[in-house]
Amino acid sequence: MISVEIEPQRQAEARQTLAGLGLAQYVDFVLADAATILPTVGEMDFAFIDCEKDDYVRFFDMLHISPGGVVVADNIISHSVTEYVNHVRARPGLRSLTLPIGKGIELTRFAVP
């Protein structure tokens, strides 16, 4: 798993949380701007988006998701991320729905050909 974070303090918090869960050994922590990293990452089965809300659409479009893969975007309800929701729901071959869990997540699945 790859965790991309641009803010050192937030990355340190993520490292600490995952270490406490015994999962840090499975994570490659990258301290960088996701815009520079995502184009270099190959096909993924899963991605979790939690960044500046204005960047949701841009980062989603940079992802290379495999058929049947899933993207989960956080804070959809609490931050009224309607531009992102409209964007993913307008894309052919995607199924997407908002789940009222926590602050709201958008669960988007890529079709299997």
PDB file of N, CA and C in Angstrom:
ATOM      1  N   MET A   1       0.854  -1.160   0.000  1.00  0.00           N
ATOM      2  CA  MET A   1       0.000   0.000   0.000  1.00  0.00           C
ATOM      3  C   MET A   1       0.902   1.225   0.000  1.00  0.00           C
ATOM      4  N   ILE A   2       0.448   2.261  -0.678  1.00  0.00           N
ATOM      5  CA  ILE A   2       1.172   3.526  -0.740  1.00  0.00           C
ATOM      6  C   ILE A   2       0.327   4.602  -0.063  1.00  0.00           C
ATOM      7  N   SER A   3       0.950   5.353   0.818  1.00  0.00           N
ATOM      8  CA  SER A   3       0.301   6.498   1.456  1.00  0.00           C
ATOM      9  C   SER A   3       1.046   7.748   1.020  1.00  0.00           C
ATOM     10  N   VAL A   4       0.349   8.638   0.312  1.00  0.00           N
ATOM     11  CA  VAL A   4       0.974   9.867  -0.172  1.00  0.00           C
ATOM     12  C   VAL A   4       0.437  11.030   0.652  1.00  0.00           C
ATOM     13  N   GLU A   5       1.354  11.777   1.237  1.00  0.00           N
ATOM     14  CA  GLU A   5       0.974  12.927   2.064  1.00  0.00           C
ATOM     15  C   GLU A   5       1.982  14.035   1.822  1.00  0.00           C
ATOM     16  N   ILE A   6       1.476  15.246   1.659  1.00  0.00           N
ATOM     17  CA  ILE A   6       2.354  16.388   1.409  1.00  0.00           C
ATOM     18  C   ILE A   6       2.787  17.073   2.705  1.00  0.00           C
ATOM     19  N   GLU A   7       2.033  16.899   3.777  1.00  0.00           N
ATOM     20  CA  GLU A   7       2.321  17.561   5.043  1.00  0.00           C
ATOM     21  C   GLU A   7       3.051  16.599   5.992  1.00  0.00           C
ATOM     22  N   PRO A   8       4.280  16.947   6.406  1.00  0.00           N
ATOM     23  CA  PRO A   8       5.070  16.058   7.271  1.00  0.00           C
ATOM     24  C   PRO A   8       4.358  15.669   8.573  1.00  0.00           C
ATOM     25  N   GLN A   9       3.667  16.591   9.210  1.00  0.00           N
ATOM     26  CA  GLN A   9       2.991  16.281  10.470  1.00  0.00           C
ATOM     27  C   GLN A   9       1.889  15.242  10.262  1.00  0.00           C
ATOM     28  N   ARG A  10       1.128  15.396   9.200  1.00  0.00           N
ATOM     29  CA  ARG A  10       0.062  14.420   8.928  1.00  0.00           C
ATOM     30  C   ARG A  10       0.645  13.054   8.589  1.00  0.00           C
ATOM     31  N   GLN A  11       1.757  13.042   7.875  1.00  0.00           N
ATOM     32  CA  GLN A  11       2.375  11.757   7.578  1.00  0.00           C
ATOM     33  C   GLN A  11       2.879  11.097   8.861  1.00  0.00           C
ATOM     34  N   ALA A  12       3.432  11.880   9.762  1.00  0.00           N
ATOM     35  CA  ALA A  12       3.899  11.339  11.036  1.00  0.00           C
ATOM     36  C   ALA A  12       2.732  10.745  11.821  1.00  0.00           C
ATOM     37  N   GLU A  13       1.589  11.415  11.801  1.00  0.00           N
ATOM     38  CA  GLU A  13       0.398  10.891  12.479  1.00  0.00           C
ATOM     39  C   GLU A  13      -0.061   9.580  11.847  1.00  0.00           C
ATOM     40  N   ALA A  14      -0.037   9.523  10.526  1.00  0.00           N
ATOM     41  CA  ALA A  14      -0.439   8.289   9.828  1.00  0.00           C
ATOM     42  C   ALA A  14       0.525   7.150  10.163  1.00  0.00           C
ATOM     43  N   ARG A  15       1.818   7.439  10.175  1.00  0.00           N
ATOM     44  CA  ARG A  15       2.813   6.422  10.534  1.00  0.00           C
ATOM     45  C   ARG A  15       2.557   5.882  11.939  1.00  0.00           C
ATOM     46  N   GLN A  16       2.299   6.797  12.866  1.00  0.00           N
ATOM     47  CA  GLN A  16       2.063   6.405  14.251  1.00  0.00           C
ATOM     48  C   GLN A  16       0.799   5.554  14.374  1.00  0.00           C
ATOM     49  N   THR A  17      -0.262   5.963  13.713  1.00  0.00           N
ATOM     50  CA  THR A  17      -1.522   5.212  13.761  1.00  0.00           C
ATOM     51  C   THR A  17      -1.336   3.814  13.199  1.00  0.00           C
ATOM     52  N   LEU A  18      -0.729   3.715  12.029  1.00  0.00           N
ATOM     53  CA  LEU A  18      -0.545   2.406  11.401  1.00  0.00           C
ATOM     54  C   LEU A  18       0.453   1.539  12.159  1.00  0.00           C
ATOM     55  N   ALA A  19       1.450   2.153  12.774  1.00  0.00           N
ATOM     56  CA  ALA A  19       2.384   1.389  13.601  1.00  0.00           C
ATOM     57  C   ALA A  19       1.654   0.810  14.812  1.00  0.00           C
ATOM     58  N   GLY A  20       0.781   1.611  15.407  1.00  0.00           N
ATOM     59  CA  GLY A  20      -0.003   1.144  16.542  1.00  0.00           C
ATOM     60  C   GLY A  20      -0.919  -0.016  16.195  1.00  0.00           C
ATOM     61  N   LEU A  21      -1.327  -0.082  14.949  1.00  0.00           N
ATOM     62  CA  LEU A  21      -2.187  -1.174  14.477  1.00  0.00           C
ATOM     63  C   LEU A  21      -1.374  -2.360  13.955  1.00  0.00           C
ATOM     64  N   GLY A  22      -0.050  -2.213  13.944  1.00  0.00           N
ATOM     65  CA  GLY A  22       0.808  -3.281  13.433  1.00  0.00           C
ATOM     66  C   GLY A  22       0.792  -3.386  11.921  1.00  0.00           C
ATOM     67  N   LEU A  23       0.448  -2.303  11.234  1.00  0.00           N
ATOM     68  CA  LEU A  23       0.314  -2.345   9.778  1.00  0.00           C
ATOM     69  C   LEU A  23       1.367  -1.527   9.031  1.00  0.00           C
ATOM     70  N   ALA A  24       2.195  -0.771   9.746  1.00  0.00           N
ATOM     71  CA  ALA A  24       3.154   0.127   9.090  1.00  0.00           C
ATOM     72  C   ALA A  24       4.091  -0.605   8.139  1.00  0.00           C
ATOM     73  N   GLN A  25       4.406  -1.857   8.425  1.00  0.00           N
ATOM     74  CA  GLN A  25       5.328  -2.608   7.578  1.00  0.00           C
ATOM     75  C   GLN A  25       4.769  -2.870   6.184  1.00  0.00           C
ATOM     76  N   TYR A  26       3.471  -2.709   6.027  1.00  0.00           N
ATOM     77  CA  TYR A  26       2.829  -2.956   4.732  1.00  0.00           C
ATOM     78  C   TYR A  26       2.629  -1.685   3.912  1.00  0.00           C
ATOM     79  N   VAL A  27       3.084  -0.547   4.442  1.00  0.00           N
ATOM     80  CA  VAL A  27       2.815   0.743   3.814  1.00  0.00           C
ATOM     81  C   VAL A  27       4.114   1.412   3.380  1.00  0.00           C
ATOM     82  N   ASP A  28       4.113   1.902   2.149  1.00  0.00           N
ATOM     83  CA  ASP A  28       5.199   2.724   1.643  1.00  0.00           C
ATOM     84  C   ASP A  28       4.748   4.172   1.830  1.00  0.00           C
ATOM     85  N   PHE A  29       5.332   4.874   2.803  1.00  0.00           N
ATOM     86  CA  PHE A  29       4.953   6.255   3.085  1.00  0.00           C
ATOM     87  C   PHE A  29       5.749   7.182   2.176  1.00  0.00           C
ATOM     88  N   VAL A  30       5.033   7.978   1.382  1.00  0.00           N
ATOM     89  CA  VAL A  30       5.672   8.901   0.448  1.00  0.00           C
ATOM     90  C   VAL A  30       5.308  10.323   0.862  1.00  0.00           C
ATOM     91  N   LEU A  31       6.329  11.134   1.150  1.00  0.00           N
ATOM     92  CA  LEU A  31       6.123  12.527   1.511  1.00  0.00           C
ATOM     93  C   LEU A  31       6.329  13.355   0.244  1.00  0.00           C
ATOM     94  N   ALA A  32       5.216  13.713  -0.394  1.00  0.00           N
ATOM     95  CA  ALA A  32       5.284  14.435  -1.665  1.00  0.00           C
ATOM     96  C   ALA A  32       3.891  14.908  -2.044  1.00  0.00           C
ATOM     97  N   ASP A  33       3.841  15.714  -3.076  1.00  0.00           N
ATOM     98  CA  ASP A  33       2.572  16.158  -3.639  1.00  0.00           C
ATOM     99  C   ASP A  33       2.010  15.008  -4.481  1.00  0.00           C
ATOM    100  N   ALA A  34       0.783  14.637  -4.227  1.00  0.00           N
ATOM    101  CA  ALA A  34       0.159  13.533  -4.961  1.00  0.00           C
ATOM    102  C   ALA A  34       0.165  13.784  -6.471  1.00  0.00           C
ATOM    103  N   ALA A  35       0.133  15.033  -6.883  1.00  0.00           N
ATOM    104  CA  ALA A  35       0.130  15.355  -8.318  1.00  0.00           C
ATOM    105  C   ALA A  35       1.418  14.899  -8.998  1.00  0.00           C
ATOM    106  N   THR A  36       2.511  14.793  -8.248  1.00  0.00           N
ATOM    107  CA  THR A  36       3.762  14.320  -8.842  1.00  0.00           C
ATOM    108  C   THR A  36       3.911  12.810  -8.732  1.00  0.00           C
ATOM    109  N   ILE A  37       3.219  12.204  -7.782  1.00  0.00           N
ATOM    110  CA  ILE A  37       3.348  10.768  -7.543  1.00  0.00           C
ATOM    111  C   ILE A  37       2.349   9.944  -8.355  1.00  0.00           C
ATOM    112  N   LEU A  38       1.092  10.368  -8.382  1.00  0.00           N
ATOM    113  CA  LEU A  38       0.042   9.558  -9.019  1.00  0.00           C
ATOM    114  C   LEU A  38       0.334   9.187 -10.472  1.00  0.00           C
ATOM    115  N   PRO A  39       0.892  10.089 -11.287  1.00  0.00           N
ATOM    116  CA  PRO A  39       1.180   9.683 -12.668  1.00  0.00           C
ATOM    117  C   PRO A  39       2.221   8.570 -12.778  1.00  0.00           C
ATOM    118  N   THR A  40       2.996   8.339 -11.731  1.00  0.00           N
ATOM    119  CA  THR A  40       4.045   7.315 -11.784  1.00  0.00           C
ATOM    120  C   THR A  40       3.597   5.972 -11.221  1.00  0.00           C
ATOM    121  N   VAL A  41       2.427   5.951 -10.604  1.00  0.00           N
ATOM    122  CA  VAL A  41       1.921   4.722  -9.983  1.00  0.00           C
ATOM    123  C   VAL A  41       1.151   3.924 -11.036  1.00  0.00           C
ATOM    124  N   GLY A  42       1.394   2.648 -11.087  1.00  0.00           N
ATOM    125  CA  GLY A  42       0.693   1.788 -12.044  1.00  0.00           C
ATOM    126  C   GLY A  42      -0.753   1.556 -11.648  1.00  0.00           C
ATOM    127  N   GLU A  43      -1.325   0.537 -12.241  1.00  0.00           N
ATOM    128  CA  GLU A  43      -2.724   0.207 -12.007  1.00  0.00           C
ATOM    129  C   GLU A  43      -2.961  -0.205 -10.554  1.00  0.00           C
ATOM    130  N   MET A  44      -4.062   0.278  -9.994  1.00  0.00           N
ATOM    131  CA  MET A  44      -4.417   0.007  -8.601  1.00  0.00           C
ATOM    132  C   MET A  44      -5.792  -0.644  -8.536  1.00  0.00           C
ATOM    133  N   ASP A  45      -5.990  -1.439  -7.503  1.00  0.00           N
ATOM    134  CA  ASP A  45      -7.297  -2.038  -7.246  1.00  0.00           C
ATOM    135  C   ASP A  45      -8.138  -1.168  -6.319  1.00  0.00           C
ATOM    136  N   PHE A  46      -7.472  -0.321  -5.532  1.00  0.00           N
ATOM    137  CA  PHE A  46      -8.172   0.488  -4.537  1.00  0.00           C
ATOM    138  C   PHE A  46      -7.438   1.800  -4.338  1.00  0.00           C
ATOM    139  N   ALA A  47      -8.194   2.872  -4.165  1.00  0.00           N
ATOM    140  CA  ALA A  47      -7.623   4.179  -3.818  1.00  0.00           C
ATOM    141  C   ALA A  47      -8.561   4.879  -2.852  1.00  0.00           C
ATOM    142  N   PHE A  48      -7.981   5.615  -1.929  1.00  0.00           N
ATOM    143  CA  PHE A  48      -8.730   6.398  -0.960  1.00  0.00           C
ATOM    144  C   PHE A  48      -8.324   7.847  -1.137  1.00  0.00           C
ATOM    145  N   ILE A  49      -9.295   8.716  -1.384  1.00  0.00           N
ATOM    146  CA  ILE A  49      -9.028  10.138  -1.593  1.00  0.00           C
ATOM    147  C   ILE A  49      -9.485  10.919  -0.370  1.00  0.00           C
ATOM    148  N   ASP A  50      -8.541  11.649   0.218  1.00  0.00           N
ATOM    149  CA  ASP A  50      -8.838  12.548   1.338  1.00  0.00           C
ATOM    150  C   ASP A  50      -7.809  13.669   1.263  1.00  0.00           C
ATOM    151  N   CYS A  51      -8.147  14.712   0.531  1.00  0.00           N
ATOM    152  CA  CYS A  51      -7.211  15.803   0.293  1.00  0.00           C
ATOM    153  C   CYS A  51      -7.998  17.108   0.258  1.00  0.00           C
ATOM    154  N   GLU A  52      -7.388  18.162  -0.262  1.00  0.00           N
ATOM    155  CA  GLU A  52      -8.120  19.410  -0.445  1.00  0.00           C
ATOM    156  C   GLU A  52      -9.288  19.119  -1.382  1.00  0.00           C
ATOM    157  N   LYS A  53     -10.455  19.559  -1.011  1.00  0.00           N
ATOM    158  CA  LYS A  53     -11.665  19.192  -1.748  1.00  0.00           C
ATOM    159  C   LYS A  53     -11.627  19.661  -3.197  1.00  0.00           C
ATOM    160  N   ASP A  54     -10.949  20.774  -3.474  1.00  0.00           N
ATOM    161  CA  ASP A  54     -10.823  21.255  -4.855  1.00  0.00           C
ATOM    162  C   ASP A  54      -9.965  20.329  -5.712  1.00  0.00           C
ATOM    163  N   ASP A  55      -9.204  19.445  -5.083  1.00  0.00           N
ATOM    164  CA  ASP A  55      -8.329  18.532  -5.815  1.00  0.00           C
ATOM    165  C   ASP A  55      -8.940  17.157  -6.061  1.00  0.00           C
ATOM    166  N   TYR A  56     -10.116  16.870  -5.525  1.00  0.00           N
ATOM    167  CA  TYR A  56     -10.701  15.535  -5.663  1.00  0.00           C
ATOM    168  C   TYR A  56     -10.812  15.105  -7.124  1.00  0.00           C
ATOM    169  N   VAL A  57     -11.394  15.940  -7.956  1.00  0.00           N
ATOM    170  CA  VAL A  57     -11.602  15.578  -9.373  1.00  0.00           C
ATOM    171  C   VAL A  57     -10.254  15.396 -10.067  1.00  0.00           C
ATOM    172  N   ARG A  58      -9.347  16.309  -9.847  1.00  0.00           N
ATOM    173  CA  ARG A  58      -8.031  16.253 -10.501  1.00  0.00           C
ATOM    174  C   ARG A  58      -7.281  14.974 -10.114  1.00  0.00           C
ATOM    175  N   PHE A  59      -7.262  14.645  -8.831  1.00  0.00           N
ATOM    176  CA  PHE A  59      -6.555  13.444  -8.404  1.00  0.00           C
ATOM    177  C   PHE A  59      -7.277  12.172  -8.858  1.00  0.00           C
ATOM    178  N   PHE A  60      -8.606  12.191  -8.838  1.00  0.00           N
ATOM    179  CA  PHE A  60      -9.353  11.035  -9.331  1.00  0.00           C
ATOM    180  C   PHE A  60      -8.963  10.738 -10.784  1.00  0.00           C
ATOM    181  N   ASP A  61      -8.883  11.783 -11.588  1.00  0.00           N
ATOM    182  CA  ASP A  61      -8.560  11.602 -13.005  1.00  0.00           C
ATOM    183  C   ASP A  61      -7.127  11.134 -13.232  1.00  0.00           C
ATOM    184  N   MET A  62      -6.266  11.259 -12.240  1.00  0.00           N
ATOM    185  CA  MET A  62      -4.881  10.785 -12.356  1.00  0.00           C
ATOM    186  C   MET A  62      -4.734   9.314 -11.981  1.00  0.00           C
ATOM    187  N   LEU A  63      -5.737   8.749 -11.355  1.00  0.00           N
ATOM    188  CA  LEU A  63      -5.659   7.361 -10.898  1.00  0.00           C
ATOM    189  C   LEU A  63      -5.775   6.384 -12.064  1.00  0.00           C
ATOM    190  N   HIS A  64      -5.058   5.296 -11.961  1.00  0.00           N
ATOM    191  CA  HIS A  64      -5.159   4.191 -12.920  1.00  0.00           C
ATOM    192  C   HIS A  64      -5.779   3.026 -12.148  1.00  0.00           C
ATOM    193  N   ILE A  65      -7.099   2.927 -12.223  1.00  0.00           N
ATOM    194  CA  ILE A  65      -7.824   1.915 -11.454  1.00  0.00           C
ATOM    195  C   ILE A  65      -8.139   0.721 -12.348  1.00  0.00           C
ATOM    196  N   SER A  66      -7.888  -0.459 -11.837  1.00  0.00           N
ATOM    197  CA  SER A  66      -8.140  -1.681 -12.598  1.00  0.00           C
ATOM    198  C   SER A  66      -9.635  -1.949 -12.712  1.00  0.00           C
ATOM    199  N   PRO A  67     -10.045  -2.707 -13.742  1.00  0.00           N
ATOM    200  CA  PRO A  67     -11.455  -3.097 -13.841  1.00  0.00           C
ATOM    201  C   PRO A  67     -11.896  -3.800 -12.557  1.00  0.00           C
ATOM    202  N   GLY A  68     -13.030  -3.398 -12.031  1.00  0.00           N
ATOM    203  CA  GLY A  68     -13.514  -3.943 -10.769  1.00  0.00           C
ATOM    204  C   GLY A  68     -12.944  -3.233  -9.556  1.00  0.00           C
ATOM    205  N   GLY A  69     -12.008  -2.311  -9.778  1.00  0.00           N
ATOM    206  CA  GLY A  69     -11.382  -1.574  -8.688  1.00  0.00           C
ATOM    207  C   GLY A  69     -12.327  -0.551  -8.080  1.00  0.00           C
ATOM    208  N   VAL A  70     -11.944  -0.053  -6.928  1.00  0.00           N
ATOM    209  CA  VAL A  70     -12.805   0.846  -6.156  1.00  0.00           C
ATOM    210  C   VAL A  70     -12.022   2.080  -5.720  1.00  0.00           C
ATOM    211  N   VAL A  71     -12.709   3.227  -5.765  1.00  0.00           N
ATOM    212  CA  VAL A  71     -12.192   4.475  -5.210  1.00  0.00           C
ATOM    213  C   VAL A  71     -13.163   4.935  -4.137  1.00  0.00           C
ATOM    214  N   VAL A  72     -12.631   5.257  -2.975  1.00  0.00           N
ATOM    215  CA  VAL A  72     -13.431   5.798  -1.885  1.00  0.00           C
ATOM    216  C   VAL A  72     -12.958   7.222  -1.635  1.00  0.00           C
ATOM    217  N   ALA A  73     -13.889   8.164  -1.651  1.00  0.00           N
ATOM    218  CA  ALA A  73     -13.574   9.570  -1.370  1.00  0.00           C
ATOM    219  C   ALA A  73     -14.257   9.965  -0.070  1.00  0.00           C
ATOM    220  N   ASP A  74     -13.495  10.608   0.811  1.00  0.00           N
ATOM    221  CA  ASP A  74     -13.966  10.947   2.152  1.00  0.00           C
ATOM    222  C   ASP A  74     -14.559  12.359   2.218  1.00  0.00           C
ATOM    223  N   ASN A  75     -15.345  12.590   3.253  1.00  0.00           N
ATOM    224  CA  ASN A  75     -15.916  13.912   3.579  1.00  0.00           C
ATOM    225  C   ASN A  75     -16.864  14.457   2.515  1.00  0.00           C
ATOM    226  N   ILE A  76     -17.552  13.587   1.830  1.00  0.00           N
ATOM    227  CA  ILE A  76     -18.428  13.979   0.733  1.00  0.00           C
ATOM    228  C   ILE A  76     -19.624  14.798   1.221  1.00  0.00           C
ATOM    229  N   ILE A  77     -20.225  14.381   2.320  1.00  0.00           N
ATOM    230  CA  ILE A  77     -21.403  15.086   2.837  1.00  0.00           C
ATOM    231  C   ILE A  77     -20.994  16.323   3.626  1.00  0.00           C
ATOM    232  N   SER A  78     -20.038  16.179   4.529  1.00  0.00           N
ATOM    233  CA  SER A  78     -19.661  17.289   5.402  1.00  0.00           C
ATOM    234  C   SER A  78     -19.099  18.481   4.642  1.00  0.00           C
ATOM    235  N   HIS A  79     -18.461  18.238   3.510  1.00  0.00           N
ATOM    236  CA  HIS A  79     -17.854  19.325   2.742  1.00  0.00           C
ATOM    237  C   HIS A  79     -18.579  19.596   1.421  1.00  0.00           C
ATOM    238  N   SER A  80     -19.733  18.992   1.241  1.00  0.00           N
ATOM    239  CA  SER A  80     -20.548  19.206   0.031  1.00  0.00           C
ATOM    240  C   SER A  80     -19.700  19.113  -1.242  1.00  0.00           C
ATOM    241  N   VAL A  81     -19.060  17.989  -1.424  1.00  0.00           N
ATOM    242  CA  VAL A  81     -18.166  17.791  -2.568  1.00  0.00           C
ATOM    243  C   VAL A  81     -18.995  17.337  -3.773  1.00  0.00           C
ATOM    244  N   THR A  82     -19.942  18.159  -4.152  1.00  0.00           N
ATOM    245  CA  THR A  82     -20.871  17.803  -5.233  1.00  0.00           C
ATOM    246  C   THR A  82     -20.204  17.778  -6.605  1.00  0.00           C
ATOM    247  N   GLU A  83     -19.204  18.625  -6.825  1.00  0.00           N
ATOM    248  CA  GLU A  83     -18.512  18.613  -8.120  1.00  0.00           C
ATOM    249  C   GLU A  83     -17.882  17.242  -8.358  1.00  0.00           C
ATOM    250  N   TYR A  84     -17.257  16.692  -7.338  1.00  0.00           N
ATOM    251  CA  TYR A  84     -16.646  15.372  -7.460  1.00  0.00           C
ATOM    252  C   TYR A  84     -17.713  14.303  -7.694  1.00  0.00           C
ATOM    253  N   VAL A  85     -18.770  14.335  -6.900  1.00  0.00           N
ATOM    254  CA  VAL A  85     -19.839  13.342  -7.035  1.00  0.00           C
ATOM    255  C   VAL A  85     -20.420  13.395  -8.442  1.00  0.00           C
ATOM    256  N   ASN A  86     -20.720  14.575  -8.940  1.00  0.00           N
ATOM    257  CA  ASN A  86     -21.259  14.710 -10.297  1.00  0.00           C
ATOM    258  C   ASN A  86     -20.266  14.201 -11.335  1.00  0.00           C
ATOM    259  N   HIS A  87     -18.992  14.447 -11.111  1.00  0.00           N
ATOM    260  CA  HIS A  87     -17.948  14.027 -12.049  1.00  0.00           C
ATOM    261  C   HIS A  87     -17.887  12.512 -12.172  1.00  0.00           C
ATOM    262  N   VAL A  88     -17.805  11.816 -11.039  1.00  0.00           N
ATOM    263  CA  VAL A  88     -17.680  10.355 -11.120  1.00  0.00           C
ATOM    264  C   VAL A  88     -18.965   9.705 -11.602  1.00  0.00           C
ATOM    265  N   ARG A  89     -20.098  10.287 -11.260  1.00  0.00           N
ATOM    266  CA  ARG A  89     -21.370   9.691 -11.693  1.00  0.00           C
ATOM    267  C   ARG A  89     -21.648   9.917 -13.174  1.00  0.00           C
ATOM    268  N   ALA A  90     -21.000  10.896 -13.775  1.00  0.00           N
ATOM    269  CA  ALA A  90     -21.181  11.158 -15.205  1.00  0.00           C
ATOM    270  C   ALA A  90     -20.263  10.306 -16.075  1.00  0.00           C
ATOM    271  N   ARG A  91     -19.281   9.667 -15.480  1.00  0.00           N
ATOM    272  CA  ARG A  91     -18.327   8.871 -16.250  1.00  0.00           C
ATOM    273  C   ARG A  91     -18.920   7.528 -16.632  1.00  0.00           C
ATOM    274  N   PRO A  92     -18.879   7.168 -17.911  1.00  0.00           N
ATOM    275  CA  PRO A  92     -19.372   5.851 -18.323  1.00  0.00           C
ATOM    276  C   PRO A  92     -18.514   4.744 -17.724  1.00  0.00           C
ATOM    277  N   GLY A  93     -19.150   3.651 -17.395  1.00  0.00           N
ATOM    278  CA  GLY A  93     -18.433   2.498 -16.880  1.00  0.00           C
ATOM    279  C   GLY A  93     -18.170   2.541 -15.386  1.00  0.00           C
ATOM    280  N   LEU A  94     -18.700   3.545 -14.702  1.00  0.00           N
ATOM    281  CA  LEU A  94     -18.529   3.640 -13.259  1.00  0.00           C
ATOM    282  C   LEU A  94     -19.879   3.550 -12.567  1.00  0.00           C
ATOM    283  N   ARG A  95     -19.883   2.932 -11.410  1.00  0.00           N
ATOM    284  CA  ARG A  95     -21.068   2.919 -10.529  1.00  0.00           C
ATOM    285  C   ARG A  95     -20.646   3.600  -9.257  1.00  0.00           C
ATOM    286  N   SER A  96     -21.427   4.574  -8.809  1.00  0.00           N
ATOM    287  CA  SER A  96     -21.009   5.346  -7.655  1.00  0.00           C
ATOM    288  C   SER A  96     -22.198   5.684  -6.776  1.00  0.00           C
ATOM    289  N   LEU A  97     -21.976   5.651  -5.465  1.00  0.00           N
ATOM    290  CA  LEU A  97     -23.030   6.028  -4.538  1.00  0.00           C
ATOM    291  C   LEU A  97     -22.424   6.625  -3.283  1.00  0.00           C
ATOM    292  N   THR A  98     -23.216   7.487  -2.650  1.00  0.00           N
ATOM    293  CA  THR A  98     -22.795   8.124  -1.403  1.00  0.00           C
ATOM    294  C   THR A  98     -23.318   7.315  -0.232  1.00  0.00           C
ATOM    295  N   LEU A  99     -22.421   6.993   0.684  1.00  0.00           N
ATOM    296  CA  LEU A  99     -22.801   6.291   1.900  1.00  0.00           C
ATOM    297  C   LEU A  99     -22.700   7.264   3.074  1.00  0.00           C
ATOM    298  N   PRO A 100     -23.777   7.374   3.877  1.00  0.00           N
ATOM    299  CA  PRO A 100     -23.759   8.309   4.997  1.00  0.00           C
ATOM    300  C   PRO A 100     -23.029   7.733   6.210  1.00  0.00           C
ATOM    301  N   ILE A 101     -21.766   7.429   6.020  1.00  0.00           N
ATOM    302  CA  ILE A 101     -20.914   6.889   7.078  1.00  0.00           C
ATOM    303  C   ILE A 101     -19.958   8.003   7.482  1.00  0.00           C
ATOM    304  N   GLY A 102     -19.863   8.284   8.780  1.00  0.00           N
ATOM    305  CA  GLY A 102     -19.003   9.374   9.236  1.00  0.00           C
ATOM    306  C   GLY A 102     -19.429  10.679   8.590  1.00  0.00           C
ATOM    307  N   LYS A 103     -18.508  11.305   7.901  1.00  0.00           N
ATOM    308  CA  LYS A 103     -18.795  12.574   7.229  1.00  0.00           C
ATOM    309  C   LYS A 103     -19.220  12.366   5.780  1.00  0.00           C
ATOM    310  N   GLY A 104     -19.482  11.100   5.434  1.00  0.00           N
ATOM    311  CA  GLY A 104     -19.941  10.749   4.090  1.00  0.00           C
ATOM    312  C   GLY A 104     -18.801  10.289   3.216  1.00  0.00           C
ATOM    313  N   ILE A 105     -18.996   9.140   2.559  1.00  0.00           N
ATOM    314  CA  ILE A 105     -18.012   8.665   1.597  1.00  0.00           C
ATOM    315  C   ILE A 105     -18.703   8.386   0.271  1.00  0.00           C
ATOM    316  N   GLU A 106     -17.977   8.618  -0.797  1.00  0.00           N
ATOM    317  CA  GLU A 106     -18.448   8.266  -2.131  1.00  0.00           C
ATOM    318  C   GLU A 106     -17.696   7.012  -2.533  1.00  0.00           C
ATOM    319  N   LEU A 107     -18.435   5.963  -2.803  1.00  0.00           N
ATOM    320  CA  LEU A 107     -17.885   4.671  -3.176  1.00  0.00           C
ATOM    321  C   LEU A 107     -18.089   4.499  -4.673  1.00  0.00           C
ATOM    322  N   THR A 108     -16.992   4.403  -5.414  1.00  0.00           N
ATOM    323  CA  THR A 108     -17.056   4.328  -6.870  1.00  0.00           C
ATOM    324  C   THR A 108     -16.359   3.060  -7.339  1.00  0.00           C
ATOM    325  N   ARG A 109     -17.075   2.261  -8.135  1.00  0.00           N
ATOM    326  CA  ARG A 109     -16.523   1.004  -8.643  1.00  0.00           C
ATOM    327  C   ARG A 109     -16.402   1.089 -10.154  1.00  0.00           C
ATOM    328  N   PHE A 110     -15.278   0.636 -10.647  1.00  0.00           N
ATOM    329  CA  PHE A 110     -15.032   0.607 -12.084  1.00  0.00           C
ATOM    330  C   PHE A 110     -15.567  -0.712 -12.644  1.00  0.00           C
ATOM    331  N   ALA A 111     -16.258  -0.635 -13.754  1.00  0.00           N
ATOM    332  CA  ALA A 111     -16.878  -1.812 -14.347  1.00  0.00           C
ATOM    333  C   ALA A 111     -15.833  -2.832 -14.804  1.00  0.00           C
ATOM    334  N   VAL A 112     -16.248  -4.081 -14.767  1.00  0.00           N
ATOM    335  CA  VAL A 112     -15.433  -5.165 -15.294  1.00  0.00           C
ATOM    336  C   VAL A 112     -15.898  -5.387 -16.728  1.00  0.00           C
ATOM    337  N   PRO A 113     -14.958  -5.335 -17.686  1.00  0.00           N
ATOM    338  CA  PRO A 113     -15.389  -5.487 -19.104  1.00  0.00           C
ATOM    339  C   PRO A 113     -15.954  -6.857 -19.392  1.00  0.00           C
TER     340      PRO A 113
END
